[in-house]
Amino acid sequence: MKVLILGNIGAGKTTIINSLQSHLSWESISIDDFRRRFGNGNVLGENEARIQFIQSIKPGVNQLIEITGYG
């Protein structure tokens, strides 16, 4: 199962993810983490962050997925 948390910057997405994780033992992924790791402010970096993020969504794994803006 996947739970998608979508919202604007500062809307409380991370707070919701942290609360859910205190009750569930699910993996969580955030596009922001991938943008920090792979993005470098240019189009190529943002595209790499997006590709890596999408590849981290695994079939058959319970995941909390946090998305804001899509690069």
Protein backbone atom coordinates (compact mmCIF):
# COMPACT_ATOMS: atom_id res chain seq x y z
CA MET A 1 0.00 0.00 0.00
CA LYS A 2 1.12 3.53 -0.72
CA VAL A 3 0.02 6.64 1.15
CA LEU A 4 0.73 9.86 -0.76
CA ILE A 5 1.09 13.07 1.23
CA LEU A 6 0.85 16.10 -1.05
CA GLY A 7 0.91 19.77 -0.18
CA ASN A 8 2.58 23.13 -0.39
CA ILE A 9 5.81 24.03 1.40
CA GLY A 10 5.17 24.34 5.13
CA ALA A 11 1.77 22.63 5.00
CA GLY A 12 2.74 19.97 7.57
CA LYS A 13 3.49 17.01 5.31
CA THR A 14 6.55 15.95 7.28
CA THR A 15 4.65 16.28 10.56
CA ILE A 16 1.95 13.96 9.21
CA ILE A 17 4.57 11.47 7.93
CA ASN A 18 6.31 11.47 11.32
CA SER A 19 3.01 10.90 13.11
CA LEU A 20 2.08 8.02 10.80
CA GLN A 21 5.52 6.46 11.23
CA SER A 22 5.04 6.41 15.00
CA HIS A 23 2.10 4.02 14.39
CA LEU A 24 3.30 2.16 11.29
CA SER A 25 6.61 0.60 10.40
CA TRP A 26 6.46 1.73 6.80
CA GLU A 27 9.27 3.10 4.68
CA SER A 28 8.99 6.81 3.94
CA ILE A 29 10.38 8.69 0.98
CA SER A 30 10.35 12.38 0.17
CA ILE A 31 11.05 14.14 -3.11
CA ASP A 32 12.86 16.84 -1.09
CA ASP A 33 15.46 14.30 0.08
CA PHE A 34 16.18 13.34 -3.52
CA ARG A 35 16.35 16.97 -4.63
CA ARG A 36 18.91 17.67 -1.90
CA ARG A 37 20.94 14.58 -2.82
CA PHE A 38 20.82 14.70 -6.63
CA GLY A 39 19.47 18.10 -7.67
CA ASN A 40 21.89 20.95 -8.08
CA GLY A 41 19.53 23.68 -9.19
CA ASN A 42 19.69 22.93 -12.89
CA VAL A 43 17.41 20.93 -15.14
CA LEU A 44 19.71 17.89 -15.31
CA GLY A 45 19.99 17.68 -11.53
CA GLU A 46 16.24 18.04 -11.05
CA ASN A 47 15.59 15.35 -13.65
CA GLU A 48 18.04 12.98 -11.92
CA ALA A 49 16.34 13.63 -8.56
CA ARG A 50 12.95 12.87 -10.14
CA ILE A 51 14.21 9.65 -11.75
CA GLN A 52 15.81 8.43 -8.51
CA PHE A 53 12.66 9.31 -6.54
CA ILE A 54 10.39 7.39 -8.92
CA GLN A 55 12.74 4.39 -8.85
CA SER A 56 12.55 4.35 -5.04
CA ILE A 57 8.79 3.64 -5.17
CA LYS A 58 8.75 -0.13 -4.79
CA PRO A 59 5.91 -2.48 -5.73
CA GLY A 60 4.62 -4.56 -2.85
CA VAL A 61 6.25 -2.38 -0.16
CA ASN A 62 4.20 -0.24 2.22
CA GLN A 63 5.46 3.31 1.75
CA LEU A 64 4.61 6.81 2.91
CA ILE A 65 5.40 9.10 -0.02
CA GLU A 66 5.81 12.85 0.49
CA ILE A 67 5.63 15.09 -2.57
CA THR A 68 5.68 18.84 -3.00
CA GLY A 69 6.27 20.45 -6.36
CA TYR A 70 7.64 17.92 -8.81
CA GLY A 71 10.91 19.44 -9.88
